[in-house]
Amino acid sequence: VLVVGDLNIAHTEDDIWNPKGNARSSGFLPQEREWFSELLGDGWHDLFREHVGEGVKLYSWWSNRGQARALDRGWRIDYMLGNEALMPYVESIRIDRQGGIDISDHAPVILELNDAVTS
């Protein structure tokens, strides 16, 4: 099972450019982040974070105000969550930072799956 969408939550400090300055911002509130942690605790996998690892700050959304995108002051709020059965099929996942630049304040998240799982 694959769940995809703009969840409007930056789960960890790696998912937001200024965690301290946004500590009271909707989308980075403690209760929102806890809810997301509980979701992952229920067996869902954050495919992007598991693929790139902790400490990597890549974003999928930037405010249209100021130069947020040009300065890479963004949030990662667009997710692909997979269940355990999907995990062997995940080949790669990435954020296309330049994709949709003229039509959206979000960047596409691209997932590649393989169909040749070996055991």
N, C-alpha and C. Protein backbone atom coordinates (compact mmCIF):
# COMPACT_ATOMS: atom_id res chain seq x y z
N VAL A 1 0.85 -1.17 0.00
CA VAL A 1 0.00 0.00 0.00
C VAL A 1 0.90 1.23 0.00
N LEU A 2 0.51 2.22 -0.78
CA LEU A 2 1.24 3.47 -0.89
C LEU A 2 0.28 4.62 -0.62
N VAL A 3 0.63 5.49 0.31
CA VAL A 3 -0.16 6.68 0.63
C VAL A 3 0.69 7.88 0.23
N VAL A 4 0.12 8.75 -0.61
CA VAL A 4 0.87 9.88 -1.16
C VAL A 4 0.08 11.15 -0.92
N GLY A 5 0.76 12.22 -0.50
CA GLY A 5 0.05 13.48 -0.39
C GLY A 5 0.81 14.56 0.33
N ASP A 6 0.21 15.74 0.28
CA ASP A 6 0.68 16.91 1.01
C ASP A 6 0.04 16.82 2.39
N LEU A 7 0.80 16.39 3.38
CA LEU A 7 0.27 16.21 4.72
C LEU A 7 0.38 17.47 5.58
N ASN A 8 1.06 18.50 5.06
CA ASN A 8 1.20 19.77 5.77
C ASN A 8 1.83 19.63 7.15
N ILE A 9 2.72 18.66 7.30
CA ILE A 9 3.47 18.48 8.54
C ILE A 9 4.93 18.26 8.20
N ALA A 10 5.80 19.05 8.79
CA ALA A 10 7.24 18.79 8.73
C ALA A 10 7.55 17.94 9.96
N HIS A 11 7.82 16.68 9.75
CA HIS A 11 7.92 15.73 10.85
C HIS A 11 9.10 15.98 11.79
N THR A 12 10.28 16.19 11.24
CA THR A 12 11.47 16.36 12.08
C THR A 12 12.16 17.68 11.75
N GLU A 13 13.14 18.02 12.55
CA GLU A 13 13.91 19.23 12.28
C GLU A 13 14.63 19.16 10.94
N ASP A 14 14.89 17.96 10.44
CA ASP A 14 15.49 17.82 9.11
C ASP A 14 14.53 18.22 8.01
N ASP A 15 13.24 18.31 8.31
CA ASP A 15 12.22 18.56 7.30
C ASP A 15 11.80 20.02 7.20
N ILE A 16 12.53 20.91 7.85
CA ILE A 16 12.16 22.32 7.84
C ILE A 16 13.43 23.16 7.96
N TRP A 17 13.50 24.25 7.24
CA TRP A 17 14.75 25.02 7.18
C TRP A 17 15.06 25.75 8.48
N ASN A 18 14.06 26.15 9.24
CA ASN A 18 14.29 26.92 10.46
C ASN A 18 13.42 26.36 11.58
N PRO A 19 13.82 25.24 12.16
CA PRO A 19 12.96 24.61 13.17
C PRO A 19 12.71 25.49 14.39
N LYS A 20 13.70 26.19 14.88
CA LYS A 20 13.51 27.03 16.07
C LYS A 20 12.55 28.18 15.78
N GLY A 21 12.71 28.81 14.64
CA GLY A 21 11.83 29.92 14.27
C GLY A 21 10.41 29.49 13.94
N ASN A 22 10.22 28.22 13.66
CA ASN A 22 8.89 27.72 13.30
C ASN A 22 8.28 26.82 14.39
N ALA A 23 8.84 26.86 15.58
CA ALA A 23 8.38 25.98 16.66
C ALA A 23 6.89 26.15 16.98
N ARG A 24 6.35 27.34 16.72
CA ARG A 24 4.93 27.60 16.99
C ARG A 24 4.10 27.71 15.71
N SER A 25 4.67 27.28 14.61
CA SER A 25 3.96 27.36 13.33
C SER A 25 3.14 26.11 13.07
N SER A 26 1.93 26.33 12.57
CA SER A 26 1.10 25.20 12.14
C SER A 26 1.87 24.41 11.10
N GLY A 27 1.88 23.11 11.25
CA GLY A 27 2.66 22.24 10.37
C GLY A 27 3.93 21.75 11.03
N PHE A 28 4.30 22.38 12.15
CA PHE A 28 5.49 21.96 12.89
C PHE A 28 5.21 21.96 14.40
N LEU A 29 3.94 21.94 14.76
CA LEU A 29 3.57 21.93 16.17
C LEU A 29 3.85 20.56 16.79
N PRO A 30 4.18 20.52 18.07
CA PRO A 30 4.51 19.24 18.71
C PRO A 30 3.43 18.17 18.54
N GLN A 31 2.16 18.54 18.66
CA GLN A 31 1.10 17.55 18.54
C GLN A 31 0.98 17.01 17.11
N GLU A 32 1.26 17.83 16.12
CA GLU A 32 1.24 17.36 14.73
C GLU A 32 2.39 16.39 14.48
N ARG A 33 3.54 16.74 14.97
CA ARG A 33 4.72 15.90 14.79
C ARG A 33 4.56 14.58 15.54
N GLU A 34 3.94 14.62 16.72
CA GLU A 34 3.69 13.40 17.49
C GLU A 34 2.71 12.49 16.74
N TRP A 35 1.66 13.08 16.16
CA TRP A 35 0.71 12.30 15.37
C TRP A 35 1.42 11.58 14.24
N PHE A 36 2.33 12.29 13.57
CA PHE A 36 3.07 11.68 12.47
C PHE A 36 3.96 10.55 12.99
N SER A 37 4.60 10.75 14.12
CA SER A 37 5.43 9.70 14.73
C SER A 37 4.58 8.47 15.05
N GLU A 38 3.37 8.69 15.55
CA GLU A 38 2.48 7.57 15.85
C GLU A 38 2.09 6.82 14.57
N LEU A 39 1.88 7.56 13.50
CA LEU A 39 1.58 6.95 12.20
C LEU A 39 2.72 6.03 11.78
N LEU A 40 3.94 6.51 11.90
CA LEU A 40 5.10 5.68 11.56
C LEU A 40 5.22 4.51 12.52
N GLY A 41 4.86 4.71 13.77
CA GLY A 41 4.89 3.64 14.76
C GLY A 41 3.87 2.55 14.48
N ASP A 42 2.85 2.88 13.71
CA ASP A 42 1.82 1.91 13.34
C ASP A 42 2.23 1.07 12.13
N GLY A 43 3.47 1.22 11.68
CA GLY A 43 3.96 0.37 10.60
C GLY A 43 4.14 1.05 9.25
N TRP A 44 3.82 2.32 9.15
CA TRP A 44 4.05 3.04 7.90
C TRP A 44 5.51 3.47 7.82
N HIS A 45 6.04 3.54 6.63
CA HIS A 45 7.42 3.95 6.39
C HIS A 45 7.44 5.25 5.62
N ASP A 46 8.20 6.22 6.09
CA ASP A 46 8.46 7.46 5.35
C ASP A 46 9.52 7.10 4.31
N LEU A 47 9.10 6.82 3.09
CA LEU A 47 10.00 6.28 2.08
C LEU A 47 11.18 7.21 1.78
N PHE A 48 10.91 8.51 1.72
CA PHE A 48 11.99 9.45 1.42
C PHE A 48 13.03 9.46 2.54
N ARG A 49 12.59 9.62 3.77
CA ARG A 49 13.54 9.71 4.89
C ARG A 49 14.32 8.41 5.04
N GLU A 50 13.68 7.28 4.85
CA GLU A 50 14.39 6.01 4.96
C GLU A 50 15.40 5.83 3.84
N HIS A 51 15.12 6.42 2.69
CA HIS A 51 16.04 6.29 1.55
C HIS A 51 17.25 7.23 1.69
N VAL A 52 17.02 8.49 2.07
CA VAL A 52 18.12 9.46 2.12
C VAL A 52 18.80 9.51 3.48
N GLY A 53 18.13 9.07 4.53
CA GLY A 53 18.72 9.07 5.85
C GLY A 53 18.46 10.34 6.65
N GLU A 54 18.81 10.26 7.92
CA GLU A 54 18.66 11.40 8.82
C GLU A 54 19.74 12.44 8.52
N GLY A 55 19.46 13.68 8.84
CA GLY A 55 20.44 14.74 8.67
C GLY A 55 20.44 15.39 7.30
N VAL A 56 19.69 14.84 6.36
CA VAL A 56 19.61 15.41 5.01
C VAL A 56 18.42 16.36 4.97
N LYS A 57 18.69 17.61 4.59
CA LYS A 57 17.63 18.62 4.56
C LYS A 57 17.28 18.93 3.10
N LEU A 58 16.23 18.27 2.61
CA LEU A 58 15.70 18.51 1.27
C LEU A 58 14.22 18.80 1.42
N TYR A 59 13.72 19.76 0.67
CA TYR A 59 12.37 20.24 0.88
C TYR A 59 11.49 20.04 -0.34
N SER A 60 10.17 20.03 -0.11
CA SER A 60 9.21 19.85 -1.19
C SER A 60 8.26 21.05 -1.33
N TRP A 61 8.35 22.02 -0.43
CA TRP A 61 7.48 23.19 -0.48
C TRP A 61 8.24 24.42 -0.02
N TRP A 62 7.97 25.55 -0.69
CA TRP A 62 8.55 26.84 -0.33
C TRP A 62 7.46 27.89 -0.41
N SER A 63 7.46 28.81 0.52
CA SER A 63 6.51 29.92 0.50
C SER A 63 6.73 30.74 -0.77
N ASN A 64 5.64 31.33 -1.25
CA ASN A 64 5.74 32.23 -2.41
C ASN A 64 6.21 33.62 -1.99
N ARG A 65 6.31 33.86 -0.70
CA ARG A 65 6.77 35.15 -0.20
C ARG A 65 8.29 35.23 -0.23
N GLY A 66 8.79 36.40 -0.55
CA GLY A 66 10.24 36.61 -0.54
C GLY A 66 10.95 35.70 -1.53
N GLN A 67 12.11 35.27 -1.17
CA GLN A 67 12.95 34.43 -2.02
C GLN A 67 13.11 33.04 -1.42
N ALA A 68 12.05 32.52 -0.81
CA ALA A 68 12.15 31.26 -0.08
C ALA A 68 12.71 30.13 -0.93
N ARG A 69 12.22 29.98 -2.15
CA ARG A 69 12.70 28.87 -2.99
C ARG A 69 14.14 29.12 -3.42
N ALA A 70 14.45 30.32 -3.83
CA ALA A 70 15.81 30.65 -4.26
C ALA A 70 16.82 30.45 -3.13
N LEU A 71 16.40 30.74 -1.90
CA LEU A 71 17.27 30.59 -0.74
C LEU A 71 17.16 29.22 -0.09
N ASP A 72 16.33 28.36 -0.66
CA ASP A 72 16.06 27.01 -0.16
C ASP A 72 15.60 27.02 1.30
N ARG A 73 14.68 27.92 1.58
CA ARG A 73 14.06 28.00 2.91
C ARG A 73 12.70 27.32 2.84
N GLY A 74 12.73 26.00 2.86
CA GLY A 74 11.51 25.25 2.62
C GLY A 74 11.13 24.31 3.74
N TRP A 75 10.12 23.53 3.43
CA TRP A 75 9.59 22.50 4.32
C TRP A 75 9.43 21.23 3.49
N ARG A 76 9.63 20.09 4.08
CA ARG A 76 9.27 18.82 3.43
C ARG A 76 7.95 18.39 4.04
N ILE A 77 6.87 18.63 3.28
CA ILE A 77 5.52 18.33 3.77
C ILE A 77 4.78 17.38 2.83
N ASP A 78 5.41 17.00 1.73
CA ASP A 78 4.82 16.08 0.77
C ASP A 78 5.46 14.72 0.98
N TYR A 79 4.64 13.72 1.20
CA TYR A 79 5.15 12.42 1.63
C TYR A 79 4.67 11.28 0.74
N MET A 80 5.46 10.23 0.74
CA MET A 80 5.07 8.93 0.24
C MET A 80 5.31 7.96 1.39
N LEU A 81 4.23 7.40 1.87
CA LEU A 81 4.30 6.45 2.98
C LEU A 81 3.95 5.07 2.44
N GLY A 82 4.73 4.08 2.83
CA GLY A 82 4.47 2.72 2.37
C GLY A 82 4.37 1.76 3.53
N ASN A 83 3.61 0.69 3.31
CA ASN A 83 3.55 -0.35 4.33
C ASN A 83 4.74 -1.30 4.15
N GLU A 84 4.89 -2.23 5.06
CA GLU A 84 6.04 -3.14 5.04
C GLU A 84 6.11 -3.95 3.75
N ALA A 85 4.97 -4.36 3.23
CA ALA A 85 4.94 -5.18 2.01
C ALA A 85 5.50 -4.44 0.80
N LEU A 86 5.43 -3.11 0.81
CA LEU A 86 5.93 -2.32 -0.32
C LEU A 86 7.45 -2.17 -0.30
N MET A 87 8.05 -2.25 0.86
CA MET A 87 9.46 -1.89 1.03
C MET A 87 10.42 -2.61 0.08
N PRO A 88 10.28 -3.90 -0.19
CA PRO A 88 11.23 -4.55 -1.10
C PRO A 88 11.17 -4.03 -2.53
N TYR A 89 10.08 -3.35 -2.88
CA TYR A 89 9.90 -2.85 -4.24
C TYR A 89 10.44 -1.44 -4.45
N VAL A 90 10.81 -0.76 -3.38
CA VAL A 90 11.29 0.62 -3.49
C VAL A 90 12.70 0.63 -4.06
N GLU A 91 12.83 1.23 -5.23
CA GLU A 91 14.12 1.36 -5.91
C GLU A 91 14.80 2.67 -5.52
N SER A 92 14.07 3.78 -5.66
CA SER A 92 14.62 5.09 -5.31
C SER A 92 13.47 6.08 -5.12
N ILE A 93 13.80 7.17 -4.46
CA ILE A 93 12.84 8.26 -4.26
C ILE A 93 13.64 9.54 -4.22
N ARG A 94 13.07 10.59 -4.82
CA ARG A 94 13.78 11.87 -4.84
C ARG A 94 12.77 13.01 -4.95
N ILE A 95 13.24 14.18 -4.61
CA ILE A 95 12.46 15.40 -4.79
C ILE A 95 13.07 16.13 -5.98
N ASP A 96 12.24 16.42 -6.98
CA ASP A 96 12.69 17.15 -8.17
C ASP A 96 12.52 18.64 -7.89
N ARG A 97 13.54 19.24 -7.31
CA ARG A 97 13.47 20.62 -6.84
C ARG A 97 13.07 21.60 -7.94
N GLN A 98 13.45 21.35 -9.17
CA GLN A 98 13.13 22.26 -10.28
C GLN A 98 11.79 21.93 -10.93
N GLY A 99 11.26 20.75 -10.66
CA GLY A 99 9.99 20.35 -11.26
C GLY A 99 8.84 21.22 -10.78
N GLY A 100 7.99 21.64 -11.69
CA GLY A 100 6.83 22.44 -11.34
C GLY A 100 7.14 23.84 -10.89
N ILE A 101 8.36 24.31 -11.10
CA ILE A 101 8.78 25.61 -10.57
C ILE A 101 7.90 26.76 -11.05
N ASP A 102 7.35 26.65 -12.26
CA ASP A 102 6.52 27.73 -12.79
C ASP A 102 5.04 27.58 -12.47
N ILE A 103 4.63 26.43 -11.93
CA ILE A 103 3.20 26.20 -11.73
C ILE A 103 2.81 25.87 -10.29
N SER A 104 3.77 25.66 -9.42
CA SER A 104 3.42 25.26 -8.06
C SER A 104 4.48 25.71 -7.06
N ASP A 105 4.06 25.85 -5.82
CA ASP A 105 5.02 26.11 -4.75
C ASP A 105 5.53 24.81 -4.15
N HIS A 106 5.11 23.68 -4.72
CA HIS A 106 5.58 22.35 -4.32
C HIS A 106 6.46 21.77 -5.42
N ALA A 107 7.37 20.91 -5.02
CA ALA A 107 8.19 20.16 -5.97
C ALA A 107 7.67 18.73 -6.01
N PRO A 108 7.73 18.09 -7.18
CA PRO A 108 7.29 16.70 -7.26
C PRO A 108 8.20 15.77 -6.46
N VAL A 109 7.60 14.79 -5.83
CA VAL A 109 8.33 13.71 -5.18
C VAL A 109 8.18 12.50 -6.09
N ILE A 110 9.30 11.95 -6.52
CA ILE A 110 9.28 10.89 -7.53
C ILE A 110 9.77 9.58 -6.91
N LEU A 111 8.95 8.56 -7.03
CA LEU A 111 9.24 7.24 -6.49
C LEU A 111 9.40 6.26 -7.65
N GLU A 112 10.48 5.50 -7.62
CA GLU A 112 10.67 4.43 -8.59
C GLU A 112 10.57 3.10 -7.87
N LEU A 113 9.74 2.22 -8.41
CA LEU A 113 9.56 0.89 -7.86
C LEU A 113 10.12 -0.14 -8.83
N ASN A 114 10.57 -1.26 -8.29
CA ASN A 114 11.00 -2.35 -9.16
C ASN A 114 9.99 -3.49 -9.02
N ASP A 115 9.96 -4.33 -10.02
CA ASP A 115 9.04 -5.47 -9.96
C ASP A 115 9.77 -6.80 -9.91
N ALA A 116 11.07 -6.73 -9.70
CA ALA A 116 11.90 -7.94 -9.68
C ALA A 116 12.48 -8.14 -8.29
N VAL A 117 11.63 -8.46 -7.35
CA VAL A 117 12.08 -8.67 -5.98
C VAL A 117 12.61 -10.09 -5.85
N THR A 118 13.82 -10.18 -5.33
CA THR A 118 14.42 -11.50 -5.10
C THR A 118 14.48 -11.75 -3.60
N SER A 119 14.38 -12.99 -3.23
CA SER A 119 14.42 -13.29 -1.79
C SER A 119 15.69 -14.00 -1.42
